[in-house]
C-alpha atoms as a PDB file:
ATOM      1  CA  MET A   1     -52.332 -16.940  42.095  1.00  0.00           C
ATOM      2  CA  THR A   2     -54.429 -18.739  39.492  1.00  0.00           C
ATOM      3  CA  PRO A   3     -53.298 -19.532  35.927  1.00  0.00           C
ATOM      4  CA  ALA A   4     -56.083 -17.316  34.483  1.00  0.00           C
ATOM      5  CA  TYR A   5     -54.967 -14.391  36.655  1.00  0.00           C
ATOM      6  CA  GLU A   6     -51.318 -14.894  35.659  1.00  0.00           C
ATOM      7  CA  LYS A   7     -52.297 -14.921  31.975  1.00  0.00           C
ATOM      8  CA  LEU A   8     -54.240 -11.649  32.406  1.00  0.00           C
ATOM      9  CA  LEU A   9     -51.268 -10.122  34.241  1.00  0.00           C
ATOM     10  CA  LEU A  10     -48.930 -11.081  31.386  1.00  0.00           C
ATOM     11  CA  GLN A  11     -51.227  -9.462  28.824  1.00  0.00           C
ATOM     12  CA  LEU A  12     -51.518  -6.262  30.868  1.00  0.00           C
ATOM     13  CA  LYS A  13     -47.740  -6.084  31.426  1.00  0.00           C
ATOM     14  CA  ALA A  14     -47.248  -6.267  27.658  1.00  0.00           C
ATOM     15  CA  LEU A  15     -49.112  -2.953  27.240  1.00  0.00           C
ATOM     16  CA  PRO A  16     -46.879   0.134  26.824  1.00  0.00           C
ATOM     17  CA  GLY A  17     -46.300   2.100  30.007  1.00  0.00           C
ATOM     18  CA  LEU A  18     -47.439  -0.627  32.377  1.00  0.00           C
ATOM     19  CA  GLY A  19     -44.995  -2.252  34.778  1.00  0.00           C
ATOM     20  CA  TYR A  20     -45.663  -5.196  37.061  1.00  0.00           C
ATOM     21  CA  ARG A  21     -47.248  -3.144  39.862  1.00  0.00           C
ATOM     22  CA  SER A  22     -49.559  -1.187  37.527  1.00  0.00           C
ATOM     23  CA  ALA A  23     -50.623  -4.381  35.747  1.00  0.00           C
ATOM     24  CA  GLU A  24     -51.294  -6.034  39.097  1.00  0.00           C
ATOM     25  CA  ARG A  25     -53.356  -3.064  40.311  1.00  0.00           C
ATOM     26  CA  ILE A  26     -55.458  -3.022  37.102  1.00  0.00           C
ATOM     27  CA  ALA A  27     -55.994  -6.800  37.185  1.00  0.00           C
ATOM     28  CA  MET A  28     -57.192  -6.680  40.809  1.00  0.00           C
ATOM     29  CA  HIS A  29     -59.391  -3.677  40.095  1.00  0.00           C
ATOM     30  CA  LEU A  30     -61.054  -5.453  37.161  1.00  0.00           C
ATOM     31  CA  LEU A  31     -61.442  -8.862  38.809  1.00  0.00           C
ATOM     32  CA  VAL A  32     -62.255  -7.912  42.406  1.00  0.00           C
ATOM     33  CA  GLU A  33     -63.261  -4.273  42.874  1.00  0.00           C
ATOM     34  CA  ARG A  34     -64.988  -3.474  39.572  1.00  0.00           C
ATOM     35  CA  ARG A  35     -66.124  -6.868  38.353  1.00  0.00           C
ATOM     36  CA  ASP A  36     -69.499  -5.483  37.186  1.00  0.00           C
ATOM     37  CA  GLY A  37     -67.732  -3.192  34.687  1.00  0.00           C
ATOM     38  CA  LEU A  38     -65.680  -6.007  33.161  1.00  0.00           C
ATOM     39  CA  THR A  39     -68.349  -7.004  30.637  1.00  0.00           C
ATOM     40  CA  ASP A  40     -68.646  -3.425  29.341  1.00  0.00           C
ATOM     41  CA  LEU A  41     -64.856  -3.211  28.984  1.00  0.00           C
ATOM     42  CA  ILE A  42     -64.701  -6.497  27.046  1.00  0.00           C
ATOM     43  CA  GLU A  43     -67.563  -5.391  24.763  1.00  0.00           C
ATOM     44  CA  SER A  44     -65.861  -2.015  24.144  1.00  0.00           C
ATOM     45  CA  LEU A  45     -62.576  -3.719  23.259  1.00  0.00           C
ATOM     46  CA  GLU A  46     -64.298  -6.136  20.878  1.00  0.00           C
ATOM     47  CA  ALA A  47     -66.283  -3.312  19.237  1.00  0.00           C
ATOM     48  CA  ALA A  48     -63.127  -1.201  18.821  1.00  0.00           C
ATOM     49  CA  LYS A  49     -61.224  -4.181  17.403  1.00  0.00           C
ATOM     50  CA  ALA A  50     -63.969  -4.723  14.812  1.00  0.00           C
ATOM     51  CA  ALA A  51     -64.486  -1.050  13.913  1.00  0.00           C
ATOM     52  CA  VAL A  52     -61.129   0.727  14.206  1.00  0.00           C
ATOM     53  CA  GLY A  53     -58.390   0.392  11.604  1.00  0.00           C
ATOM     54  CA  ARG A  54     -55.809   2.550   9.843  1.00  0.00           C
ATOM     55  CA  CYS A  55     -56.659   5.405   7.500  1.00  0.00           C
ATOM     56  CA  ALA A  56     -55.699   4.347   3.958  1.00  0.00           C
ATOM     57  CA  ASN A  57     -54.261   7.794   3.273  1.00  0.00           C
ATOM     58  CA  CYS A  58     -52.309   8.804   6.383  1.00  0.00           C
ATOM     59  CA  GLY A  59     -52.225   5.864   8.808  1.00  0.00           C
ATOM     60  CA  ASN A  60     -54.236   7.565  11.571  1.00  0.00           C
ATOM     61  CA  ILE A  61     -56.922   5.536  13.347  1.00  0.00           C
ATOM     62  CA  ALA A  62     -60.215   5.482  11.452  1.00  0.00           C
ATOM     63  CA  GLU A  63     -63.587   3.757  11.390  1.00  0.00           C
ATOM     64  CA  SER A  64     -63.913   4.093   7.621  1.00  0.00           C
ATOM     65  CA  GLU A  65     -61.408   4.165   4.762  1.00  0.00           C
ATOM     66  CA  LEU A  66     -60.301   7.716   5.677  1.00  0.00           C
ATOM     67  CA  CYS A  67     -59.883   9.296   9.104  1.00  0.00           C
ATOM     68  CA  GLY A  68     -61.675  12.471  10.201  1.00  0.00           C
ATOM     69  CA  VAL A  69     -58.636  14.676   9.484  1.00  0.00           C
ATOM     70  CA  CYS A  70     -58.269  13.395   5.895  1.00  0.00           C
ATOM     71  CA  GLN A  71     -62.007  13.839   5.300  1.00  0.00           C
ATOM     72  CA  ASP A  72     -62.019  17.403   6.675  1.00  0.00           C
ATOM     73  CA  GLU A  73     -61.998  19.711   3.635  1.00  0.00           C
ATOM     74  CA  ARG A  74     -61.133  22.713   5.827  1.00  0.00           C
ATOM     75  CA  ARG A  75     -57.639  21.247   6.399  1.00  0.00           C
ATOM     76  CA  ASP A  76     -54.767  22.379   4.167  1.00  0.00           C
ATOM     77  CA  GLY A  77     -53.931  19.229   2.182  1.00  0.00           C
ATOM     78  CA  SER A  78     -50.798  20.800   0.699  1.00  0.00           C
ATOM     79  CA  LYS A  79     -49.044  20.737   4.088  1.00  0.00           C
ATOM     80  CA  VAL A  80     -48.425  17.367   5.735  1.00  0.00           C
ATOM     81  CA  CYS A  81     -47.013  16.871   9.232  1.00  0.00           C
ATOM     82  CA  VAL A  82     -45.145  13.545   9.477  1.00  0.00           C
ATOM     83  CA  VAL A  83     -45.244  11.927  12.937  1.00  0.00           C
ATOM     84  CA  GLU A  84     -44.056   8.643  14.405  1.00  0.00           C
ATOM     85  CA  HIS A  85     -47.221   7.461  16.149  1.00  0.00           C
ATOM     86  CA  VAL A  86     -50.927   8.284  16.486  1.00  0.00           C
ATOM     87  CA  PRO A  87     -50.448   9.715  20.040  1.00  0.00           C
ATOM     88  CA  ASP A  88     -48.063  12.289  18.480  1.00  0.00           C
ATOM     89  CA  LEU A  89     -50.831  13.324  16.067  1.00  0.00           C
ATOM     90  CA  ILE A  90     -53.295  13.572  18.970  1.00  0.00           C
ATOM     91  CA  ALA A  91     -50.840  15.732  20.970  1.00  0.00           C
ATOM     92  CA  ILE A  92     -50.416  18.142  18.026  1.00  0.00           C
ATOM     93  CA  GLU A  93     -54.189  18.269  17.455  1.00  0.00           C
ATOM     94  CA  ARG A  94     -54.702  19.067  21.135  1.00  0.00           C
ATOM     95  CA  SER A  95     -52.346  22.045  20.765  1.00  0.00           C
ATOM     96  CA  SER A  96     -54.506  23.474  17.903  1.00  0.00           C
ATOM     97  CA  ALA A  97     -51.239  24.557  16.258  1.00  0.00           C
ATOM     98  CA  TRP A  98     -51.599  22.644  12.978  1.00  0.00           C
ATOM     99  CA  LYS A  99     -54.231  23.182  10.277  1.00  0.00           C
ATOM    100  CA  GLY A 100     -52.728  20.881   7.653  1.00  0.00           C
ATOM    101  CA  ARG A 101     -52.932  17.110   7.356  1.00  0.00           C
ATOM    102  CA  TYR A 102     -50.794  14.304   8.793  1.00  0.00           C
ATOM    103  CA  HIS A 103     -48.886  11.161   7.946  1.00  0.00           C
ATOM    104  CA  VAL A 104     -48.272   8.536  10.641  1.00  0.00           C
ATOM    105  CA  LEU A 105     -45.208   6.324  10.126  1.00  0.00           C
ATOM    106  CA  HIS A 106     -45.965   3.926  13.033  1.00  0.00           C
ATOM    107  CA  GLY A 107     -42.358   4.055  14.197  1.00  0.00           C
ATOM    108  CA  LYS A 108     -38.954   5.205  13.017  1.00  0.00           C
ATOM    109  CA  LEU A 109     -36.037   3.544  11.269  1.00  0.00           C
ATOM    110  CA  SER A 110     -33.974   1.495  13.696  1.00  0.00           C
ATOM    111  CA  PRO A 111     -31.827  -1.230  12.106  1.00  0.00           C
ATOM    112  CA  ILE A 112     -30.608  -2.310  15.545  1.00  0.00           C
ATOM    113  CA  HIS A 113     -34.232  -3.177  16.442  1.00  0.00           C
ATOM    114  CA  GLY A 114     -34.992  -4.667  13.023  1.00  0.00           C
ATOM    115  CA  VAL A 115     -37.102  -1.732  11.822  1.00  0.00           C
ATOM    116  CA  GLY A 116     -36.402  -0.947   8.167  1.00  0.00           C
ATOM    117  CA  PRO A 117     -38.360   1.046   5.565  1.00  0.00           C
ATOM    118  CA  GLU A 118     -40.618  -1.934   4.824  1.00  0.00           C
ATOM    119  CA  GLN A 119     -41.870  -1.970   8.434  1.00  0.00           C
ATOM    120  CA  LEU A 120     -42.990   1.668   8.342  1.00  0.00           C
ATOM    121  CA  ASN A 121     -45.864   3.454   6.587  1.00  0.00           C
ATOM    122  CA  PHE A 122     -43.746   4.688   3.669  1.00  0.00           C
ATOM    123  CA  THR A 123     -45.779   3.202   0.796  1.00  0.00           C
ATOM    124  CA  SER A 124     -48.720   5.576   1.210  1.00  0.00           C
ATOM    125  CA  LEU A 125     -46.302   8.465   1.887  1.00  0.00           C
ATOM    126  CA  GLN A 126     -44.613   7.750  -1.450  1.00  0.00           C
ATOM    127  CA  ARG A 127     -48.029   7.645  -3.109  1.00  0.00           C
ATOM    128  CA  ARG A 128     -48.840  11.086  -1.675  1.00  0.00           C
ATOM    129  CA  ILE A 129     -45.550  12.423  -3.051  1.00  0.00           C
ATOM    130  CA  GLN A 130     -46.115  10.982  -6.521  1.00  0.00           C
ATOM    131  CA  THR A 131     -49.729  12.100  -6.898  1.00  0.00           C
ATOM    132  CA  GLY A 132     -48.739  15.707  -6.191  1.00  0.00           C
ATOM    133  CA  GLY A 133     -50.635  18.331  -4.234  1.00  0.00           C
ATOM    134  CA  VAL A 134     -48.194  18.353  -1.306  1.00  0.00           C
ATOM    135  CA  SER A 135     -46.002  21.466  -1.090  1.00  0.00           C
ATOM    136  CA  GLU A 136     -44.466  20.897   2.360  1.00  0.00           C
ATOM    137  CA  PHE A 137     -43.652  17.995   4.650  1.00  0.00           C
ATOM    138  CA  VAL A 138     -43.098  19.024   8.259  1.00  0.00           C
ATOM    139  CA  LEU A 139     -41.036  16.331   9.986  1.00  0.00           C
ATOM    140  CA  ALA A 140     -42.196  16.114  13.608  1.00  0.00           C
ATOM    141  CA  LEU A 141     -40.083  13.121  14.577  1.00  0.00           C
ATOM    142  CA  SER A 142     -38.170  12.656  17.815  1.00  0.00           C
ATOM    143  CA  ASN A 143     -34.831  14.367  18.242  1.00  0.00           C
ATOM    144  CA  ASP A 144     -32.658  11.244  18.460  1.00  0.00           C
ATOM    145  CA  ILE A 145     -30.475   9.174  16.116  1.00  0.00           C
ATOM    146  CA  GLU A 146     -33.365   7.064  14.785  1.00  0.00           C
ATOM    147  CA  GLY A 147     -35.518  10.165  14.270  1.00  0.00           C
ATOM    148  CA  GLN A 148     -32.710  11.880  12.375  1.00  0.00           C
ATOM    149  CA  ALA A 149     -32.121   8.759  10.229  1.00  0.00           C
ATOM    150  CA  THR A 150     -35.835   8.617   9.390  1.00  0.00           C
ATOM    151  CA  CYS A 151     -35.872  12.323   8.430  1.00  0.00           C
ATOM    152  CA  HIS A 152     -32.833  11.776   6.211  1.00  0.00           C
ATOM    153  CA  TYR A 153     -34.490   8.768   4.528  1.00  0.00           C
ATOM    154  CA  ILE A 154     -37.655  10.775   3.772  1.00  0.00           C
ATOM    155  CA  GLN A 155     -35.640  13.711   2.389  1.00  0.00           C
ATOM    156  CA  GLU A 156     -33.204  11.673   0.272  1.00  0.00           C
ATOM    157  CA  GLU A 157     -35.040   8.493  -0.709  1.00  0.00           C
ATOM    158  CA  LEU A 158     -38.691   9.546  -0.911  1.00  0.00           C
ATOM    159  CA  VAL A 159     -38.886  13.278  -1.641  1.00  0.00           C
ATOM    160  CA  GLY A 160     -35.630  13.414  -3.619  1.00  0.00           C
ATOM    161  CA  SER A 161     -36.014  15.769  -6.576  1.00  0.00           C
ATOM    162  CA  HIS A 162     -39.772  16.374  -6.151  1.00  0.00           C
ATOM    163  CA  PRO A 163     -40.606  20.079  -5.701  1.00  0.00           C
ATOM    164  CA  ILE A 164     -41.639  19.640  -2.068  1.00  0.00           C
ATOM    165  CA  GLU A 165     -40.228  21.696   0.789  1.00  0.00           C
ATOM    166  CA  VAL A 166     -39.077  19.548   3.709  1.00  0.00           C
ATOM    167  CA  THR A 167     -38.942  21.255   7.111  1.00  0.00           C
ATOM    168  CA  ARG A 168     -38.156  20.017  10.598  1.00  0.00           C
ATOM    169  CA  ILE A 169     -39.939  21.247  13.694  1.00  0.00           C
ATOM    170  CA  GLY A 170     -37.937  23.501  15.997  1.00  0.00           C
ATOM    171  CA  PHE A 171     -36.938  21.804  19.189  1.00  0.00           C
ATOM    172  CA  GLY A 172     -37.905  23.285  22.490  1.00  0.00           C
ATOM    173  CA  LEU A 173     -38.394  19.590  23.174  1.00  0.00           C
ATOM    174  CA  PRO A 174     -35.793  17.869  25.355  1.00  0.00           C
ATOM    175  CA  SER A 175     -32.969  16.193  23.414  1.00  0.00           C
ATOM    176  CA  GLY A 176     -34.083  12.654  22.663  1.00  0.00           C
ATOM    177  CA  GLY A 177     -37.644  13.635  23.540  1.00  0.00           C
ATOM    178  CA  GLY A 178     -40.712  13.131  21.435  1.00  0.00           C
ATOM    179  CA  VAL A 179     -43.910  14.907  20.539  1.00  0.00           C
ATOM    180  CA  THR A 180     -46.386  12.880  22.587  1.00  0.00           C
ATOM    181  CA  PHE A 181     -45.500  14.238  26.027  1.00  0.00           C
ATOM    182  CA  ALA A 182     -44.773  17.848  25.056  1.00  0.00           C
ATOM    183  CA  ASP A 183     -47.181  20.510  26.283  1.00  0.00           C
ATOM    184  CA  SER A 184     -49.337  22.531  23.868  1.00  0.00           C
ATOM    185  CA  VAL A 185     -47.260  25.717  24.118  1.00  0.00           C
ATOM    186  CA  THR A 186     -44.030  23.840  23.309  1.00  0.00           C
ATOM    187  CA  LEU A 187     -45.667  22.082  20.344  1.00  0.00           C
ATOM    188  CA  ARG A 188     -47.062  25.326  18.963  1.00  0.00           C
ATOM    189  CA  SER A 189     -43.628  26.941  19.264  1.00  0.00           C
ATOM    190  CA  ALA A 190     -41.930  23.910  17.659  1.00  0.00           C
ATOM    191  CA  LEU A 191     -44.277  24.025  14.657  1.00  0.00           C
ATOM    192  CA  GLU A 192     -44.025  27.788  14.251  1.00  0.00           C
ATOM    193  CA  SER A 193     -40.203  27.712  14.398  1.00  0.00           C
ATOM    194  CA  ARG A 194     -39.811  24.904  11.873  1.00  0.00           C
ATOM    195  CA  ARG A 195     -36.859  25.269   9.524  1.00  0.00           C
ATOM    196  CA  ALA A 196     -35.714  23.802   6.228  1.00  0.00           C
ATOM    197  CA  TYR A 197     -34.360  20.299   6.627  1.00  0.00           C
ATOM    198  CA  HIS A 198     -31.083  19.453   4.858  1.00  0.00           C
END
């Protein structure tokens, strides 16, 4: 194989969810079978890189300062669903079970992996707490040790004595499982059966 091909393979393998075989199949598809579509793909990636960033309010993807959810005045801004990653937000939106707003942490606390509070999107969450207007945070984080630690940090260190109700989604999700791969019915049930978090 050529050095350029090997470099492409390395970049593809670094993407989440792609192993060696999948990366190899995509590389061959792009370079041999679908070469005419390669230019369009490169242009789309460059355009997305230039246009897409993080919402200043919630951390969702956005092409302006605020994302579509934060700009939507029909959403209930007093209720905020806290998720780990943007795909979790997308999964909940797909279920049509949530009419409030969101906050994306971009991960969860994991000291063993070097992820502390400063690596997560807590600054804008703290700003939302301090400016008022939020009556409930729904914690839709994965049901594992890191997810629990992150929930505890939000409850104790950020919300503290503020008059904000903190709830945790009910879990019909598998233990250790996350929001992204849950089906719509399970997500709706998890949101509807949320309970006070202590």
